[in-house]
N, C-alpha and C. Protein backbone atom coordinates (compact mmCIF):
# COMPACT_ATOMS: atom_id res chain seq x y z
N UNK A 1 0.51 -1.37 -0.01
CA UNK A 1 -0.22 -0.55 -0.09
C UNK A 1 0.71 1.25 0.09
N UNK A 2 0.31 2.05 -1.10
CA UNK A 2 1.30 3.52 -0.99
C UNK A 2 1.17 4.41 -0.42
N UNK A 3 1.46 5.28 0.71
CA UNK A 3 1.19 6.25 1.52
C UNK A 3 2.11 7.22 1.43
N UNK A 4 0.80 8.50 1.79
CA UNK A 4 1.04 9.74 1.77
C UNK A 4 1.37 10.74 3.16
N UNK A 5 2.17 11.63 2.85
CA UNK A 5 2.83 12.70 4.22
C UNK A 5 0.58 12.90 4.70
N UNK A 6 0.10 12.64 4.36
CA UNK A 6 -1.05 12.72 5.03
C UNK A 6 -1.54 11.57 5.53
N UNK A 7 -1.13 10.70 5.13
CA UNK A 7 -1.19 9.35 6.28
C UNK A 7 -0.15 9.58 7.40
N UNK A 8 0.67 10.41 7.55
CA UNK A 8 1.93 10.31 8.17
C UNK A 8 1.27 10.83 9.59
N UNK A 9 1.28 10.56 10.82
CA UNK A 9 0.55 11.70 11.99
C UNK A 9 2.16 11.58 12.68
N UNK A 10 1.78 13.11 12.67
CA UNK A 10 3.19 13.99 13.66
C UNK A 10 3.23 13.44 15.22
N UNK A 11 4.62 13.11 15.52
CA UNK A 11 4.41 13.55 16.90
C UNK A 11 4.41 14.50 17.46
N UNK A 12 4.18 15.77 16.94
CA UNK A 12 3.87 17.15 17.47
C UNK A 12 3.73 17.90 16.76
N UNK A 13 2.22 18.82 16.78
CA UNK A 13 2.00 19.91 15.22
C UNK A 13 1.47 20.88 15.92
N UNK A 14 2.32 21.96 15.54
CA UNK A 14 1.24 23.13 15.95
C UNK A 14 1.96 24.17 15.30
N UNK A 15 0.45 25.11 15.08
CA UNK A 15 0.59 26.36 14.76
C UNK A 15 1.39 27.80 15.30
N UNK A 16 1.70 28.02 14.96
CA UNK A 16 2.40 29.02 16.33
C UNK A 16 3.57 30.54 15.77
N UNK A 17 4.25 31.61 16.06
CA UNK A 17 4.92 32.38 15.58
C UNK A 17 6.55 31.16 14.86
N UNK A 18 6.97 31.34 13.75
CA UNK A 18 8.03 30.86 13.79
C UNK A 18 9.18 31.54 14.42
N UNK A 19 10.16 30.75 14.76
CA UNK A 19 11.58 31.65 15.30
C UNK A 19 12.05 32.50 14.46
N UNK A 20 12.16 33.93 14.22
CA UNK A 20 12.54 34.96 13.68
C UNK A 20 13.39 34.89 12.55
N UNK A 21 14.53 33.89 12.73
CA UNK A 21 15.63 33.17 11.65
C UNK A 21 15.08 32.20 10.59
N UNK A 22 14.18 31.85 11.28
CA UNK A 22 13.25 30.71 9.94
C UNK A 22 12.71 31.03 9.12
N UNK A 23 11.56 32.28 9.91
CA UNK A 23 10.35 33.41 9.64
C UNK A 23 11.02 33.95 8.43
N UNK A 24 12.33 34.43 8.80
CA UNK A 24 12.72 35.59 7.84
C UNK A 24 14.07 34.55 6.60
N UNK A 25 14.08 33.05 6.96
CA UNK A 25 15.06 32.28 5.31
C UNK A 25 13.79 31.74 4.98
N UNK A 26 12.26 31.46 5.29
CA UNK A 26 11.36 31.48 4.29
C UNK A 26 10.64 32.50 3.75
N UNK A 27 10.90 33.75 4.04
CA UNK A 27 10.30 34.66 2.97
C UNK A 27 11.91 34.90 2.06
N UNK A 28 12.54 34.81 2.16
CA UNK A 28 14.23 34.33 1.07
C UNK A 28 13.27 33.37 -0.07
N UNK A 29 13.05 31.92 0.90
CA UNK A 29 12.74 31.13 -0.67
C UNK A 29 12.07 31.47 -1.13
N UNK A 30 10.78 32.19 -0.75
CA UNK A 30 9.35 32.68 -1.75
C UNK A 30 10.47 33.32 -2.47
N UNK A 31 11.18 34.18 -2.34
CA UNK A 31 11.60 35.89 -3.15
C UNK A 31 12.40 34.66 -4.20
N UNK A 32 12.90 33.34 -3.99
CA UNK A 32 14.16 32.41 -4.92
C UNK A 32 13.61 31.49 -4.50
N UNK A 33 12.68 30.58 -5.33
CA UNK A 33 12.62 29.02 -5.28
C UNK A 33 13.78 28.59 -4.86
N UNK A 34 13.54 27.38 -4.12
CA UNK A 34 14.28 26.52 -4.35
C UNK A 34 14.50 25.32 -4.58
N UNK A 35 14.68 24.54 -6.01
CA UNK A 35 14.38 23.26 -6.52
C UNK A 35 15.75 21.92 -5.59
N UNK A 36 15.92 22.25 -5.15
CA UNK A 36 16.65 21.63 -4.43
C UNK A 36 16.55 20.62 -3.19
N UNK A 37 16.16 19.60 -3.96
CA UNK A 37 15.07 19.01 -2.36
C UNK A 37 15.69 18.17 -1.43
N UNK A 38 16.98 17.77 -1.67
CA UNK A 38 18.40 17.17 -1.20
C UNK A 38 19.09 18.37 -1.12
N UNK A 39 20.60 17.56 -0.02
CA UNK A 39 21.78 17.79 -0.25
C UNK A 39 22.89 17.92 -1.60
N UNK A 40 22.13 16.36 -2.34
CA UNK A 40 23.07 16.06 -3.66
C UNK A 40 22.47 15.01 -4.10
N UNK A 41 22.61 15.84 -5.57
CA UNK A 41 21.53 15.00 -7.05
C UNK A 41 22.42 13.69 -7.02
N UNK A 42 21.91 13.39 -6.50
CA UNK A 42 23.27 11.85 -7.16
C UNK A 42 22.92 10.59 -8.80
N UNK A 43 21.69 11.30 -9.54
CA UNK A 43 21.10 11.54 -10.69
C UNK A 43 20.98 11.90 -11.08
N UNK A 44 20.36 11.88 -12.33
CA UNK A 44 19.30 12.50 -13.11
C UNK A 44 19.19 12.02 -14.25
N UNK A 45 17.97 11.62 -14.84
CA UNK A 45 18.27 11.59 -16.49
C UNK A 45 16.52 12.61 -16.95
N UNK A 46 15.83 12.33 -18.20
CA UNK A 46 14.20 12.77 -18.68
C UNK A 46 13.42 12.35 -18.10
N UNK A 47 13.90 11.48 -17.28
CA UNK A 47 12.46 11.07 -16.18
C UNK A 47 12.85 11.66 -14.96
N UNK A 48 13.56 11.06 -13.90
CA UNK A 48 13.54 11.25 -12.89
C UNK A 48 15.05 11.97 -12.25
N UNK A 49 14.64 13.25 -10.48
CA UNK A 49 15.95 13.36 -10.41
C UNK A 49 15.71 12.81 -8.98
N UNK A 50 16.82 12.16 -8.51
CA UNK A 50 17.57 11.25 -7.36
C UNK A 50 18.36 12.07 -6.03
N UNK A 51 17.63 12.27 -4.75
CA UNK A 51 18.52 13.15 -4.14
C UNK A 51 18.96 12.81 -3.05
N UNK A 52 19.46 13.11 -2.20
CA UNK A 52 20.16 12.22 -1.08
C UNK A 52 20.04 13.46 0.38
N UNK A 53 19.69 13.64 1.23
CA UNK A 53 20.12 14.28 2.66
C UNK A 53 20.10 13.76 3.40
N UNK A 54 21.30 13.79 3.94
CA UNK A 54 22.44 13.38 5.27
C UNK A 54 22.14 14.33 6.47
N UNK A 55 21.76 14.24 7.38
CA UNK A 55 21.86 14.72 8.52
C UNK A 55 22.07 14.73 10.18
N UNK A 56 23.38 14.60 10.43
CA UNK A 56 23.63 14.83 11.97
C UNK A 56 22.57 14.93 12.77
N UNK A 57 22.31 14.72 13.86
CA UNK A 57 21.90 15.18 15.49
C UNK A 57 22.05 16.56 15.32
N UNK A 58 21.10 17.31 15.39
CA UNK A 58 21.33 18.83 14.84
C UNK A 58 21.39 19.82 14.14
N UNK A 59 21.94 18.89 12.85
CA UNK A 59 22.14 19.47 11.78
C UNK A 59 20.22 19.40 10.93
N UNK A 60 20.09 20.96 10.21
CA UNK A 60 19.15 20.96 9.49
C UNK A 60 19.72 21.12 8.13
N UNK A 61 18.36 21.03 6.91
CA UNK A 61 18.58 21.14 6.07
C UNK A 61 17.23 22.07 5.60
N UNK A 62 17.77 23.30 4.94
CA UNK A 62 16.93 24.32 4.74
C UNK A 62 15.52 24.60 4.18
N UNK A 63 15.30 25.62 3.83
CA UNK A 63 13.79 25.17 3.30
C UNK A 63 13.90 25.02 1.47
N UNK A 64 13.16 24.48 1.50
CA UNK A 64 13.33 23.82 -0.29
C UNK A 64 11.87 23.79 -0.40
N UNK A 65 11.87 23.77 -1.89
CA UNK A 65 10.48 23.75 -2.94
C UNK A 65 9.90 22.00 -3.28
N UNK A 66 9.02 21.20 -3.24
CA UNK A 66 8.87 20.87 -3.99
C UNK A 66 7.60 21.21 -5.03
N UNK A 67 8.02 21.10 -6.18
CA UNK A 67 6.59 21.27 -7.42
C UNK A 67 6.62 20.19 -8.13
N UNK A 68 7.33 19.00 -7.54
CA UNK A 68 6.94 17.72 -8.84
C UNK A 68 6.53 16.48 -8.28
N UNK A 69 6.18 15.77 -8.42
CA UNK A 69 5.20 14.57 -7.71
C UNK A 69 6.60 13.62 -7.84
N UNK A 70 6.65 12.90 -6.41
CA UNK A 70 7.95 12.63 -5.78
C UNK A 70 7.57 11.82 -4.54
N UNK A 71 8.31 10.15 -4.35
CA UNK A 71 8.47 10.32 -3.44
C UNK A 71 9.74 9.94 -2.26
N UNK A 72 9.53 10.26 -1.10
CA UNK A 72 11.09 9.63 -0.44
C UNK A 72 11.60 8.24 0.41
N UNK A 73 12.33 7.69 0.83
CA UNK A 73 12.56 7.07 1.81
C UNK A 73 13.68 7.32 2.80
N UNK A 74 13.09 6.97 3.97
CA UNK A 74 13.96 6.91 4.76
C UNK A 74 15.21 5.60 4.84
N UNK A 75 16.43 6.33 4.64
CA UNK A 75 17.37 5.05 5.11
C UNK A 75 17.72 4.54 6.49
N UNK A 76 17.83 5.54 7.04
CA UNK A 76 17.91 5.50 8.52
C UNK A 76 16.58 5.70 9.37
N UNK A 77 16.48 5.06 10.34
CA UNK A 77 15.50 5.72 11.76
C UNK A 77 16.16 6.99 11.84
N UNK A 78 14.84 7.32 12.55
CA UNK A 78 15.29 8.72 13.14
C UNK A 78 14.01 10.27 13.65
N UNK A 79 14.30 10.96 13.79
CA UNK A 79 13.46 12.16 13.85
C UNK A 79 13.78 13.02 13.54
N UNK A 80 12.83 14.25 13.36
CA UNK A 80 12.89 15.41 12.64
C UNK A 80 11.41 16.55 12.93
N UNK A 81 11.99 17.45 13.13
CA UNK A 81 11.22 18.62 12.80
C UNK A 81 11.65 19.15 11.76
N UNK A 82 10.06 19.42 11.09
CA UNK A 82 10.04 20.75 10.08
C UNK A 82 8.55 21.94 10.25
N UNK A 83 9.27 22.95 9.75
CA UNK A 83 8.54 24.35 9.54
C UNK A 83 8.39 23.84 7.43
N UNK A 84 6.44 24.02 7.67
CA UNK A 84 6.40 24.16 6.54
C UNK A 84 4.52 25.45 5.83
N UNK A 85 5.13 25.71 4.89
CA UNK A 85 4.64 26.29 4.09
C UNK A 85 3.43 26.31 4.75
N UNK A 86 2.45 25.97 4.89
CA UNK A 86 1.18 26.31 5.63
C UNK A 86 0.88 26.84 6.92
N UNK A 87 1.96 27.14 7.99
CA UNK A 87 2.43 27.52 8.82
C UNK A 87 2.48 26.69 9.89
N UNK A 88 2.36 25.46 9.97
CA UNK A 88 2.56 24.69 10.94
C UNK A 88 4.32 24.19 11.07
N UNK A 89 4.76 23.98 12.54
CA UNK A 89 5.59 23.66 12.34
C UNK A 89 5.48 21.37 13.86
N UNK A 90 5.72 21.03 12.73
CA UNK A 90 5.84 19.44 12.69
C UNK A 90 6.98 18.22 13.50
N UNK A 91 7.10 17.70 14.23
CA UNK A 91 7.75 16.65 14.15
C UNK A 91 7.39 15.34 13.70
N UNK A 92 8.24 14.44 13.44
CA UNK A 92 7.88 12.97 12.80
C UNK A 92 9.53 11.75 13.38
N UNK A 93 8.36 11.35 12.83
CA UNK A 93 9.75 9.83 13.43
C UNK A 93 9.71 9.15 12.31
N UNK A 94 10.50 8.39 12.31
CA UNK A 94 10.70 7.80 10.78
C UNK A 94 11.57 6.34 10.83
N UNK A 95 11.13 5.35 10.24
CA UNK A 95 11.84 4.17 10.60
C UNK A 95 12.70 3.77 9.58
N UNK A 96 14.02 3.17 9.41
CA UNK A 96 14.54 2.69 8.15
C UNK A 96 13.53 2.10 7.06
N UNK A 97 13.70 2.30 6.22
CA UNK A 97 12.98 1.93 4.41
C UNK A 97 11.66 2.69 4.58
N UNK A 98 11.16 3.24 5.76
CA UNK A 98 9.17 3.87 5.67
C UNK A 98 9.66 4.58 3.81
N UNK A 99 8.72 4.80 3.26
CA UNK A 99 8.44 5.19 2.03
C UNK A 99 6.93 6.05 1.93
N UNK A 100 6.90 7.43 1.37
CA UNK A 100 6.82 7.68 1.09
C UNK A 100 5.92 8.89 -0.03
N UNK A 101 4.99 8.45 -0.42
CA UNK A 101 5.37 9.99 -2.06
C UNK A 101 3.77 11.27 -1.70
N UNK A 102 4.51 12.04 -2.99
CA UNK A 102 3.50 13.23 -2.81
C UNK A 102 3.00 13.55 -4.21
N UNK A 103 1.90 14.22 -4.65
CA UNK A 103 1.88 14.86 -5.68
C UNK A 103 1.49 16.11 -5.25
N UNK A 104 1.80 17.22 -6.84
CA UNK A 104 1.52 18.44 -6.56
C UNK A 104 0.47 18.94 -8.28
N UNK A 105 -0.60 19.17 -8.02
CA UNK A 105 -1.56 20.38 -8.97
C UNK A 105 -0.67 20.66 -9.82
N UNK A 106 -1.15 20.94 -10.50
CA UNK A 106 -0.11 22.51 -11.25
C UNK A 106 -0.16 23.61 -10.84
N UNK A 107 0.50 24.02 -10.25
CA UNK A 107 0.57 26.07 -10.15
C UNK A 107 0.75 25.05 -8.28
N UNK A 108 0.21 24.18 -7.76
CA UNK A 108 0.76 23.82 -6.27
C UNK A 108 1.83 23.22 -6.00
N UNK A 109 2.35 23.68 -5.14
CA UNK A 109 4.18 23.13 -4.60
C UNK A 109 3.90 23.00 -2.81
N UNK A 110 4.81 22.92 -2.14
CA UNK A 110 5.46 22.41 -1.25
C UNK A 110 6.63 23.01 -0.42
N UNK A 111 6.62 24.06 0.42
CA UNK A 111 7.75 24.49 0.80
C UNK A 111 8.33 23.91 2.09
N UNK A 112 9.35 23.49 2.86
CA UNK A 112 9.26 22.97 3.51
C UNK A 112 10.90 23.01 4.79
N UNK A 113 11.40 23.07 5.67
CA UNK A 113 12.84 22.39 6.09
C UNK A 113 12.87 21.43 6.71
N UNK A 114 13.98 20.88 7.02
CA UNK A 114 13.85 19.77 8.00
C UNK A 114 15.25 19.78 8.94
N UNK A 115 15.38 19.44 10.03
CA UNK A 115 16.11 19.14 11.28
C UNK A 115 15.60 18.17 12.03
N UNK A 116 17.48 17.70 11.58
CA UNK A 116 17.52 16.06 12.65
C UNK A 116 17.54 16.63 14.92
N UNK A 117 16.53 15.99 14.64
CA UNK A 117 16.41 16.46 16.37
C UNK A 117 16.11 15.43 16.77
N UNK A 118 17.26 14.18 16.58
CA UNK A 118 17.45 12.61 16.72
C UNK A 118 19.05 12.68 17.59
N UNK A 119 19.02 11.50 17.55
CA UNK A 119 20.32 11.11 18.71
C UNK A 119 20.99 10.16 17.34
N UNK A 120 20.57 10.28 16.09
CA UNK A 120 21.51 9.06 15.33
C UNK A 120 21.26 9.67 13.88
N UNK A 121 21.94 9.62 13.00
CA UNK A 121 22.11 10.28 11.59
C UNK A 121 20.70 10.23 10.91
N UNK A 122 20.21 11.08 10.43
CA UNK A 122 19.03 10.88 9.84
C UNK A 122 19.44 10.80 7.86
N UNK A 123 18.98 10.00 6.87
CA UNK A 123 18.98 9.47 5.69
C UNK A 123 17.80 9.55 4.29
N UNK A 124 18.37 10.48 3.82
CA UNK A 124 16.74 9.99 2.90
C UNK A 124 17.42 10.35 1.84
N UNK A 125 16.46 9.70 0.62
CA UNK A 125 16.78 9.12 -0.64
C UNK A 125 15.23 9.74 -1.18
N UNK A 126 15.31 10.83 -2.02
CA UNK A 126 14.04 11.47 -2.73
C UNK A 126 14.05 10.72 -4.09
N UNK A 127 13.51 10.64 -4.77
CA UNK A 127 13.04 10.43 -5.99
C UNK A 127 11.63 11.20 -6.71
N UNK A 128 12.46 12.05 -7.05
CA UNK A 128 11.11 13.39 -8.20
C UNK A 128 11.09 12.87 -9.71
N UNK A 129 10.17 12.91 -10.11
CA UNK A 129 9.61 12.23 -11.46
C UNK A 129 9.23 14.21 -12.36
N UNK A 130 10.02 13.68 -13.41
CA UNK A 130 9.80 15.23 -13.81
C UNK A 130 8.92 15.19 -15.10
N UNK A 131 8.51 14.03 -15.03
CA UNK A 131 7.01 13.97 -15.95
C UNK A 131 6.00 14.65 -15.32
N UNK A 132 5.13 15.83 -14.55
CA UNK A 132 4.19 15.74 -13.30
C UNK A 132 4.31 17.44 -13.81
N UNK A 133 2.94 18.07 -13.10
CA UNK A 133 1.88 18.31 -13.47
C UNK A 133 2.78 19.71 -13.52
N UNK A 134 3.61 20.69 -12.65
CA UNK A 134 4.31 21.42 -12.87
C UNK A 134 5.65 21.09 -13.63
N UNK A 135 6.45 22.51 -13.63
CA UNK A 135 7.54 22.01 -14.65
C UNK A 135 9.02 22.22 -13.62
N UNK A 136 9.89 22.04 -13.77
CA UNK A 136 10.97 21.29 -12.62
C UNK A 136 11.51 22.49 -12.76
N UNK A 137 12.24 22.79 -11.11
CA UNK A 137 12.88 23.92 -11.10
C UNK A 137 14.34 23.89 -11.70
N UNK A 138 14.78 24.94 -11.40
CA UNK A 138 16.66 24.44 -12.05
C UNK A 138 16.56 24.22 -10.64
N UNK A 139 17.89 23.99 -10.79
CA UNK A 139 18.37 23.71 -9.98
C UNK A 139 20.45 23.76 -10.38
N UNK A 140 21.55 24.53 -9.66
CA UNK A 140 22.63 24.61 -9.77
C UNK A 140 23.52 23.96 -10.09
N UNK A 141 24.23 23.34 -11.04
CA UNK A 141 25.51 22.21 -10.92
C UNK A 141 26.00 21.80 -9.83
N UNK A 142 26.50 22.91 -8.96
CA UNK A 142 27.05 22.37 -8.08
C UNK A 142 26.07 21.03 -6.55
N UNK A 143 25.22 20.90 -7.14
CA UNK A 143 24.88 19.70 -6.25
C UNK A 143 24.70 18.82 -7.08
N UNK A 144 25.23 18.71 -8.34
CA UNK A 144 25.45 17.84 -9.19
C UNK A 144 26.94 16.80 -8.51
N UNK A 145 26.12 15.28 -8.54
CA UNK A 145 27.29 14.75 -7.56
C UNK A 145 28.72 14.41 -8.97
N UNK A 146 29.57 14.36 -9.37
CA UNK A 146 30.27 13.98 -11.11
C UNK A 146 30.84 13.21 -10.63
């Protein structure tokens, strides 16, 4: 059975004022959309982009924008906090092998960050489908693994 993020229940969720630095970073992303949904682009072709995120305890991956249909898999178990463009802050636990997908209708997207609040490294693989309702955002060559 394929599960979406809507099926995932957070450990904690709230809508409240964000810390000023987080809110300022979010505002910067709205003016300059960040299509890097991972730290490193491991592979890409005319159909998919395969990304990796690796976060040590306390590390944070900044705001990025999902415009394409995609799925992610947690490679390692862990715990994370995210500030999401709907104004919420959510905390989730992840188990190794857990996989979720999301789709985005034309003109819709999701912006969020990710911080490892656990005590072990958190690793995700994300696969974006380029044939989605929205055009892919451009990404810098510096994130591509050579």
